[in-house]
Amino acid sequence: MPVPSGGSETTATSHARGDEDGLLDRIGLIEAQPLPQRAAGFEQVHDELLAELQRSDHGGV
């Protein structure tokens, strides 16, 4: 991701990158689990992401 011309990342950009890194770490942990736990873990991530999308659709962000 490019750095803005000011020389440092904006707060929103760094926050988004932190969220992305956290999600990737979480997915890595889920992938290491046996199949039944992976299914439950991915279902939980799905539900959380869906709830976040629905909140943003309704201006709750």
Protein backbone atom coordinates (compact mmCIF):
# COMPACT_ATOMS: atom_id res chain seq x y z
CA MET A 1 0.00 0.00 0.00
CA PRO A 2 1.51 3.37 -0.94
CA VAL A 3 2.46 5.86 1.74
CA PRO A 4 0.71 9.24 1.46
CA SER A 5 2.87 12.15 0.30
CA GLY A 6 3.12 13.44 3.88
CA GLY A 7 5.59 10.67 4.65
CA SER A 8 3.49 8.73 7.14
CA GLU A 9 0.41 6.57 6.98
CA THR A 10 -2.93 8.06 7.89
CA THR A 11 -4.68 6.76 10.98
CA ALA A 12 -7.42 5.15 8.87
CA THR A 13 -4.87 3.40 6.66
CA SER A 14 -2.85 2.07 9.57
CA HIS A 15 -6.04 0.96 11.35
CA ALA A 16 -7.24 -0.88 8.24
CA ARG A 17 -3.87 -2.56 7.83
CA GLY A 18 -3.95 -3.62 11.50
CA ASP A 19 -7.42 -5.09 11.04
CA GLU A 20 -6.26 -6.94 7.92
CA ASP A 21 -3.18 -8.31 9.69
CA GLY A 22 -5.33 -9.39 12.64
CA LEU A 23 -7.75 -11.18 10.33
CA LEU A 24 -4.91 -12.95 8.52
CA ASP A 25 -3.42 -14.05 11.85
CA ARG A 26 -6.81 -15.30 12.98
CA ILE A 27 -7.35 -17.23 9.74
CA GLY A 28 -3.92 -18.81 10.17
CA LEU A 29 -4.88 -20.00 13.65
CA ILE A 30 -8.19 -21.39 12.37
CA GLU A 31 -6.45 -23.23 9.51
CA ALA A 32 -4.23 -25.04 12.03
CA GLN A 33 -7.26 -26.60 13.78
CA PRO A 34 -8.90 -29.96 13.06
CA LEU A 35 -11.74 -29.82 10.53
CA PRO A 36 -14.70 -29.47 12.95
CA GLN A 37 -13.00 -26.59 14.80
CA ARG A 38 -12.02 -24.97 11.48
CA ALA A 39 -15.63 -25.04 10.34
CA ALA A 40 -16.79 -23.44 13.58
CA GLY A 41 -14.00 -20.86 13.45
CA PHE A 42 -14.76 -19.83 9.88
CA GLU A 43 -18.47 -19.68 10.68
CA GLN A 44 -17.72 -17.27 13.52
CA VAL A 45 -15.52 -15.09 11.29
CA HIS A 46 -18.27 -15.09 8.65
CA ASP A 47 -20.89 -14.02 11.17
CA GLU A 48 -18.68 -11.22 12.52
CA LEU A 49 -17.82 -9.91 9.05
CA LEU A 50 -21.49 -10.03 8.00
CA ALA A 51 -22.51 -8.09 11.12
CA GLU A 52 -19.82 -5.47 10.39
CA LEU A 53 -21.01 -5.08 6.80
CA GLN A 54 -24.61 -4.72 7.93
CA ARG A 55 -23.61 -2.06 10.49
CA SER A 56 -21.76 -0.09 7.83
CA ASP A 57 -24.76 -0.34 5.48
CA HIS A 58 -26.92 1.27 8.16
CA GLY A 59 -24.46 4.05 9.02
CA GLY A 60 -23.43 2.49 12.32
CA VAL A 61 -19.72 3.07 11.71
